[in-house]
Amino acid sequence: MKLVLVVAVALVDTDGRVLLAQRPPGRSMAGLWEFPGGKVEAEESPEIALIRELHEELAIDVKASCLAPLTFASHAYDDFHLLMPLYVCRRWNGIVTAREGQQLAWVLPNRLADYPMPAADKPLIPMLLDLL
């Protein structure tokens, strides 16, 4: 089974809310909510990939020193196995803007489970609740 490495972040605003992005129509798992991030490309570290993805998807700039590793998800889908480190970030430059047609929601930590998510994202919620 192919191993796919993706990276995700819990962006936490000054009110303690976490950003979720809804996967747009036409993509796999469309309509589900997830933590922002994306695939780690060849020659990239997870941090560099996350910085790139956040700039591309949300128009924000993040420094590697502002990314704190929290936990990871390991989940077997039907045709690949996903490994996904989750970082927490409380500082960035710019205004969070949906650049890829996705819906965004700032969510209180105790409401994260109310949003339908891919199977790999769901186990990350308890770790965030413990932290926040």
N, C-alpha and C. Protein backbone atom coordinates (compact mmCIF):
# COMPACT_ATOMS: atom_id res chain seq x y z
N MET A 1 0.85 -1.18 0.00
CA MET A 1 0.00 0.00 0.00
C MET A 1 0.90 1.24 0.00
N LYS A 2 0.54 2.19 -0.82
CA LYS A 2 1.33 3.41 -0.95
C LYS A 2 1.20 4.26 0.32
N LEU A 3 2.32 4.80 0.81
CA LEU A 3 2.34 5.70 1.96
C LEU A 3 2.32 7.14 1.45
N VAL A 4 1.36 7.92 1.93
CA VAL A 4 1.25 9.32 1.53
C VAL A 4 1.49 10.18 2.77
N LEU A 5 2.45 11.09 2.65
CA LEU A 5 2.78 12.00 3.74
C LEU A 5 2.15 13.36 3.47
N VAL A 6 1.25 13.75 4.34
CA VAL A 6 0.66 15.09 4.28
C VAL A 6 0.90 15.76 5.62
N VAL A 7 0.79 17.07 5.64
CA VAL A 7 1.02 17.82 6.86
C VAL A 7 -0.17 18.74 7.09
N ALA A 8 -0.51 18.95 8.35
CA ALA A 8 -1.67 19.78 8.67
C ALA A 8 -1.34 20.68 9.86
N VAL A 9 -2.18 21.71 10.01
CA VAL A 9 -1.97 22.66 11.10
C VAL A 9 -3.29 23.03 11.74
N ALA A 10 -3.23 23.22 13.04
CA ALA A 10 -4.34 23.83 13.77
C ALA A 10 -3.94 25.29 13.97
N LEU A 11 -4.48 26.16 13.11
CA LEU A 11 -4.27 27.60 13.29
C LEU A 11 -5.20 28.04 14.40
N VAL A 12 -4.64 28.67 15.42
CA VAL A 12 -5.42 29.08 16.58
C VAL A 12 -5.39 30.60 16.65
N ASP A 13 -6.57 31.24 16.61
CA ASP A 13 -6.62 32.70 16.65
C ASP A 13 -6.60 33.20 18.10
N THR A 14 -6.62 34.51 18.26
CA THR A 14 -6.51 35.11 19.59
C THR A 14 -7.71 34.80 20.49
N ASP A 15 -8.82 34.35 19.89
CA ASP A 15 -9.99 33.96 20.67
C ASP A 15 -9.99 32.46 21.00
N GLY A 16 -8.91 31.76 20.64
CA GLY A 16 -8.80 30.34 20.92
C GLY A 16 -9.55 29.45 19.95
N ARG A 17 -10.00 30.00 18.82
CA ARG A 17 -10.71 29.22 17.82
C ARG A 17 -9.71 28.59 16.85
N VAL A 18 -10.11 27.47 16.26
CA VAL A 18 -9.27 26.72 15.33
C VAL A 18 -9.88 26.83 13.93
N LEU A 19 -9.03 27.03 12.93
CA LEU A 19 -9.50 27.15 11.56
C LEU A 19 -9.70 25.78 10.92
N LEU A 20 -10.88 25.59 10.33
CA LEU A 20 -11.16 24.42 9.51
C LEU A 20 -11.46 24.89 8.09
N ALA A 21 -11.08 24.06 7.13
CA ALA A 21 -11.36 24.34 5.72
C ALA A 21 -12.20 23.20 5.16
N GLN A 22 -13.21 23.57 4.36
CA GLN A 22 -14.07 22.55 3.75
C GLN A 22 -13.53 22.19 2.37
N ARG A 23 -13.39 20.89 2.12
CA ARG A 23 -12.89 20.45 0.83
C ARG A 23 -13.90 20.81 -0.25
N PRO A 24 -13.45 21.52 -1.31
CA PRO A 24 -14.38 22.01 -2.33
C PRO A 24 -14.90 20.90 -3.23
N PRO A 25 -16.02 21.17 -3.93
CA PRO A 25 -16.56 20.20 -4.88
C PRO A 25 -15.51 19.83 -5.93
N GLY A 26 -15.57 18.57 -6.37
CA GLY A 26 -14.64 18.11 -7.39
C GLY A 26 -13.38 17.48 -6.84
N ARG A 27 -13.14 17.59 -5.55
CA ARG A 27 -11.97 16.97 -4.94
C ARG A 27 -12.42 15.75 -4.15
N SER A 28 -11.49 14.85 -3.89
CA SER A 28 -11.85 13.69 -3.08
C SER A 28 -12.29 14.17 -1.70
N MET A 29 -13.25 13.49 -1.14
CA MET A 29 -13.82 13.82 0.17
C MET A 29 -14.41 15.23 0.20
N ALA A 30 -14.95 15.67 -0.94
CA ALA A 30 -15.57 17.00 -1.04
C ALA A 30 -16.64 17.16 0.03
N GLY A 31 -16.68 18.36 0.62
CA GLY A 31 -17.68 18.68 1.62
C GLY A 31 -17.24 18.41 3.04
N LEU A 32 -16.19 17.60 3.22
CA LEU A 32 -15.70 17.35 4.57
C LEU A 32 -14.79 18.48 5.03
N TRP A 33 -14.73 18.68 6.33
CA TRP A 33 -13.92 19.74 6.93
C TRP A 33 -12.60 19.15 7.41
N GLU A 34 -11.53 19.92 7.26
CA GLU A 34 -10.21 19.41 7.63
C GLU A 34 -9.34 20.54 8.16
N PHE A 35 -8.24 20.15 8.78
CA PHE A 35 -7.24 21.11 9.19
C PHE A 35 -6.44 21.48 7.94
N PRO A 36 -6.14 22.76 7.73
CA PRO A 36 -5.40 23.16 6.52
C PRO A 36 -4.04 22.48 6.42
N GLY A 37 -3.60 22.30 5.20
CA GLY A 37 -2.30 21.69 4.95
C GLY A 37 -2.30 21.04 3.58
N GLY A 38 -1.44 20.05 3.40
CA GLY A 38 -1.37 19.38 2.12
C GLY A 38 -0.21 18.42 2.04
N LYS A 39 0.00 17.91 0.83
CA LYS A 39 1.03 16.90 0.61
C LYS A 39 2.43 17.49 0.76
N VAL A 40 3.29 16.66 1.30
CA VAL A 40 4.71 17.00 1.38
C VAL A 40 5.35 16.53 0.08
N GLU A 41 5.93 17.46 -0.66
CA GLU A 41 6.56 17.14 -1.94
C GLU A 41 7.96 16.59 -1.71
N ALA A 42 8.50 15.93 -2.73
CA ALA A 42 9.88 15.42 -2.66
C ALA A 42 10.82 16.57 -2.33
N GLU A 43 11.78 16.30 -1.51
CA GLU A 43 12.80 17.28 -1.12
C GLU A 43 12.30 18.31 -0.11
N GLU A 44 11.05 18.21 0.37
CA GLU A 44 10.52 19.15 1.35
C GLU A 44 10.49 18.52 2.73
N SER A 45 10.74 19.32 3.74
CA SER A 45 10.46 18.90 5.10
C SER A 45 8.98 19.17 5.37
N PRO A 46 8.40 18.53 6.39
CA PRO A 46 7.00 18.83 6.70
C PRO A 46 6.76 20.32 6.98
N GLU A 47 7.69 20.95 7.66
CA GLU A 47 7.52 22.37 7.98
C GLU A 47 7.53 23.24 6.73
N ILE A 48 8.46 22.98 5.84
CA ILE A 48 8.54 23.76 4.59
C ILE A 48 7.28 23.52 3.75
N ALA A 49 6.81 22.28 3.70
CA ALA A 49 5.58 21.98 2.96
C ALA A 49 4.39 22.74 3.55
N LEU A 50 4.31 22.78 4.87
CA LEU A 50 3.19 23.47 5.51
C LEU A 50 3.25 24.97 5.26
N ILE A 51 4.43 25.55 5.34
CA ILE A 51 4.59 26.98 5.06
C ILE A 51 4.14 27.27 3.62
N ARG A 52 4.55 26.42 2.68
CA ARG A 52 4.16 26.59 1.27
C ARG A 52 2.64 26.46 1.11
N GLU A 53 2.06 25.42 1.69
CA GLU A 53 0.62 25.19 1.56
C GLU A 53 -0.19 26.33 2.17
N LEU A 54 0.21 26.83 3.31
CA LEU A 54 -0.54 27.92 3.96
C LEU A 54 -0.49 29.19 3.12
N HIS A 55 0.63 29.43 2.47
CA HIS A 55 0.72 30.60 1.58
C HIS A 55 -0.18 30.40 0.36
N GLU A 56 -0.12 29.20 -0.25
CA GLU A 56 -0.90 28.93 -1.46
C GLU A 56 -2.41 28.91 -1.17
N GLU A 57 -2.82 28.26 -0.09
CA GLU A 57 -4.25 28.05 0.19
C GLU A 57 -4.91 29.19 0.95
N LEU A 58 -4.14 29.83 1.85
CA LEU A 58 -4.76 30.79 2.78
C LEU A 58 -4.15 32.19 2.75
N ALA A 59 -3.15 32.41 1.90
CA ALA A 59 -2.54 33.74 1.74
C ALA A 59 -1.88 34.25 3.02
N ILE A 60 -1.37 33.33 3.84
CA ILE A 60 -0.66 33.76 5.04
C ILE A 60 0.78 33.26 5.00
N ASP A 61 1.63 33.99 5.70
CA ASP A 61 3.04 33.61 5.81
C ASP A 61 3.32 33.18 7.24
N VAL A 62 3.94 32.03 7.36
CA VAL A 62 4.25 31.44 8.65
C VAL A 62 5.74 31.14 8.70
N LYS A 63 6.35 31.38 9.84
CA LYS A 63 7.75 31.02 10.06
C LYS A 63 7.80 29.64 10.70
N ALA A 64 8.82 28.87 10.34
CA ALA A 64 8.97 27.53 10.90
C ALA A 64 9.02 27.56 12.42
N SER A 65 9.60 28.61 12.99
CA SER A 65 9.69 28.71 14.45
C SER A 65 8.34 28.88 15.12
N CYS A 66 7.30 29.19 14.35
CA CYS A 66 5.94 29.35 14.89
C CYS A 66 5.11 28.08 14.76
N LEU A 67 5.70 27.02 14.22
CA LEU A 67 5.00 25.75 14.06
C LEU A 67 5.44 24.79 15.17
N ALA A 68 4.51 24.45 16.03
CA ALA A 68 4.81 23.54 17.15
C ALA A 68 4.19 22.18 16.85
N PRO A 69 5.01 21.11 16.74
CA PRO A 69 4.44 19.79 16.48
C PRO A 69 3.61 19.33 17.68
N LEU A 70 2.43 18.78 17.41
CA LEU A 70 1.56 18.34 18.49
C LEU A 70 1.38 16.83 18.50
N THR A 71 0.99 16.26 17.38
CA THR A 71 0.69 14.83 17.30
C THR A 71 0.69 14.43 15.83
N PHE A 72 0.27 13.21 15.54
CA PHE A 72 0.15 12.79 14.14
C PHE A 72 -0.98 11.79 14.02
N ALA A 73 -1.45 11.65 12.78
CA ALA A 73 -2.46 10.65 12.46
C ALA A 73 -1.84 9.64 11.51
N SER A 74 -2.22 8.38 11.70
CA SER A 74 -1.83 7.30 10.81
C SER A 74 -3.11 6.55 10.48
N HIS A 75 -3.51 6.60 9.19
CA HIS A 75 -4.80 6.03 8.83
C HIS A 75 -4.72 5.32 7.49
N ALA A 76 -5.27 4.10 7.45
CA ALA A 76 -5.33 3.33 6.21
C ALA A 76 -6.64 3.60 5.49
N TYR A 77 -6.55 4.26 4.34
CA TYR A 77 -7.69 4.39 3.44
C TYR A 77 -7.68 3.18 2.51
N ASP A 78 -8.66 3.07 1.63
CA ASP A 78 -8.76 1.90 0.75
C ASP A 78 -7.54 1.72 -0.15
N ASP A 79 -7.02 2.83 -0.70
CA ASP A 79 -5.95 2.70 -1.69
C ASP A 79 -4.62 3.34 -1.29
N PHE A 80 -4.51 3.84 -0.07
CA PHE A 80 -3.23 4.38 0.41
C PHE A 80 -3.26 4.48 1.93
N HIS A 81 -2.08 4.61 2.50
CA HIS A 81 -1.97 4.82 3.94
C HIS A 81 -1.48 6.25 4.16
N LEU A 82 -2.21 6.99 4.97
CA LEU A 82 -1.89 8.40 5.21
C LEU A 82 -1.15 8.56 6.53
N LEU A 83 -0.06 9.29 6.49
CA LEU A 83 0.67 9.70 7.68
C LEU A 83 0.63 11.22 7.71
N MET A 84 0.09 11.80 8.80
CA MET A 84 -0.15 13.23 8.83
C MET A 84 0.28 13.85 10.17
N PRO A 85 1.46 14.50 10.20
CA PRO A 85 1.81 15.27 11.39
C PRO A 85 0.90 16.48 11.51
N LEU A 86 0.52 16.81 12.75
CA LEU A 86 -0.29 18.00 13.03
C LEU A 86 0.53 18.97 13.86
N TYR A 87 0.60 20.19 13.38
CA TYR A 87 1.28 21.27 14.07
C TYR A 87 0.24 22.24 14.62
N VAL A 88 0.64 23.04 15.60
CA VAL A 88 -0.19 24.12 16.11
C VAL A 88 0.54 25.42 15.80
N CYS A 89 -0.21 26.41 15.33
CA CYS A 89 0.37 27.71 15.00
C CYS A 89 -0.55 28.80 15.53
N ARG A 90 0.03 29.72 16.28
CA ARG A 90 -0.73 30.84 16.85
C ARG A 90 -0.29 32.19 16.27
N ARG A 91 0.76 32.20 15.45
CA ARG A 91 1.26 33.46 14.89
C ARG A 91 1.52 33.29 13.40
N TRP A 92 1.02 34.25 12.62
CA TRP A 92 1.25 34.29 11.19
C TRP A 92 1.10 35.72 10.72
N ASN A 93 1.57 35.98 9.52
CA ASN A 93 1.44 37.30 8.91
C ASN A 93 0.43 37.21 7.77
N GLY A 94 -0.43 38.22 7.70
CA GLY A 94 -1.44 38.26 6.65
C GLY A 94 -2.81 37.94 7.21
N ILE A 95 -3.80 38.09 6.34
CA ILE A 95 -5.19 37.81 6.70
C ILE A 95 -5.60 36.50 6.04
N VAL A 96 -6.11 35.59 6.84
CA VAL A 96 -6.53 34.29 6.32
C VAL A 96 -7.61 34.50 5.26
N THR A 97 -7.31 34.04 4.04
CA THR A 97 -8.18 34.21 2.89
C THR A 97 -8.25 32.90 2.12
N ALA A 98 -9.45 32.46 1.78
CA ALA A 98 -9.63 31.22 1.01
C ALA A 98 -9.22 31.48 -0.44
N ARG A 99 -8.12 30.89 -0.88
CA ARG A 99 -7.62 31.10 -2.23
C ARG A 99 -8.03 30.00 -3.21
N GLU A 100 -8.58 28.90 -2.71
CA GLU A 100 -8.87 27.76 -3.59
C GLU A 100 -10.35 27.39 -3.61
N GLY A 101 -11.21 28.36 -3.33
CA GLY A 101 -12.64 28.12 -3.38
C GLY A 101 -13.20 27.37 -2.20
N GLN A 102 -12.39 27.13 -1.19
CA GLN A 102 -12.85 26.40 -0.02
C GLN A 102 -13.57 27.33 0.96
N GLN A 103 -14.52 26.76 1.70
CA GLN A 103 -15.16 27.50 2.79
C GLN A 103 -14.26 27.37 4.01
N LEU A 104 -14.24 28.43 4.82
CA LEU A 104 -13.43 28.43 6.04
C LEU A 104 -14.34 28.67 7.23
N ALA A 105 -13.96 28.10 8.37
CA ALA A 105 -14.72 28.31 9.60
C ALA A 105 -13.76 28.36 10.78
N TRP A 106 -13.91 29.40 11.61
CA TRP A 106 -13.18 29.48 12.87
C TRP A 106 -14.07 28.82 13.92
N VAL A 107 -13.57 27.76 14.54
CA VAL A 107 -14.38 26.89 15.37
C VAL A 107 -13.81 26.80 16.79
N LEU A 108 -14.68 26.93 17.79
CA LEU A 108 -14.24 26.71 19.16
C LEU A 108 -13.83 25.24 19.31
N PRO A 109 -12.77 24.97 20.06
CA PRO A 109 -12.28 23.59 20.16
C PRO A 109 -13.35 22.57 20.55
N ASN A 110 -14.25 22.94 21.46
CA ASN A 110 -15.27 21.97 21.90
C ASN A 110 -16.36 21.75 20.85
N ARG A 111 -16.29 22.45 19.72
CA ARG A 111 -17.26 22.27 18.62
C ARG A 111 -16.63 21.58 17.40
N LEU A 112 -15.34 21.28 17.45
CA LEU A 112 -14.67 20.66 16.29
C LEU A 112 -15.34 19.36 15.87
N ALA A 113 -15.77 18.56 16.83
CA ALA A 113 -16.39 17.27 16.52
C ALA A 113 -17.74 17.42 15.83
N ASP A 114 -18.31 18.63 15.82
CA ASP A 114 -19.59 18.87 15.15
C ASP A 114 -19.45 18.92 13.62
N TYR A 115 -18.22 19.02 13.13
CA TYR A 115 -17.98 19.15 11.70
C TYR A 115 -17.59 17.79 11.11
N PRO A 116 -18.26 17.36 10.02
CA PRO A 116 -17.87 16.09 9.40
C PRO A 116 -16.47 16.20 8.82
N MET A 117 -15.61 15.25 9.18
CA MET A 117 -14.19 15.29 8.80
C MET A 117 -13.76 13.97 8.19
N PRO A 118 -12.66 13.99 7.42
CA PRO A 118 -12.08 12.73 6.97
C PRO A 118 -11.67 11.89 8.18
N ALA A 119 -11.65 10.58 7.99
CA ALA A 119 -11.35 9.67 9.09
C ALA A 119 -10.00 9.97 9.75
N ALA A 120 -9.02 10.42 9.00
CA ALA A 120 -7.70 10.68 9.56
C ALA A 120 -7.68 11.91 10.48
N ASP A 121 -8.57 12.87 10.25
CA ASP A 121 -8.57 14.11 11.04
C ASP A 121 -9.25 13.94 12.40
N LYS A 122 -10.26 13.09 12.47
CA LYS A 122 -11.06 12.97 13.69
C LYS A 122 -10.25 12.64 14.94
N PRO A 123 -9.28 11.70 14.89
CA PRO A 123 -8.53 11.36 16.10
C PRO A 123 -7.63 12.50 16.62
N LEU A 124 -7.45 13.53 15.81
CA LEU A 124 -6.61 14.65 16.24
C LEU A 124 -7.35 15.58 17.20
N ILE A 125 -8.67 15.55 17.17
CA ILE A 125 -9.48 16.47 17.99
C ILE A 125 -9.21 16.32 19.49
N PRO A 126 -9.19 15.11 20.06
CA PRO A 126 -8.94 15.01 21.51
C PRO A 126 -7.60 15.62 21.94
N MET A 127 -6.59 15.48 21.11
CA MET A 127 -5.28 16.08 21.44
C MET A 127 -5.38 17.60 21.46
N LEU A 128 -6.11 18.16 20.52
CA LEU A 128 -6.31 19.61 20.51
C LEU A 128 -7.12 20.07 21.73
N LEU A 129 -8.13 19.31 22.08
CA LEU A 129 -8.94 19.66 23.25
C LEU A 129 -8.09 19.67 24.51
N ASP A 130 -7.19 18.71 24.64
CA ASP A 130 -6.30 18.67 25.81
C ASP A 130 -5.38 19.88 25.85
N LEU A 131 -4.92 20.33 24.67
CA LEU A 131 -4.00 21.46 24.59
C LEU A 131 -4.71 22.79 24.80
N LEU A 132 -5.89 22.94 24.18
CA LEU A 132 -6.56 24.24 24.18
C LEU A 132 -7.58 24.31 25.31
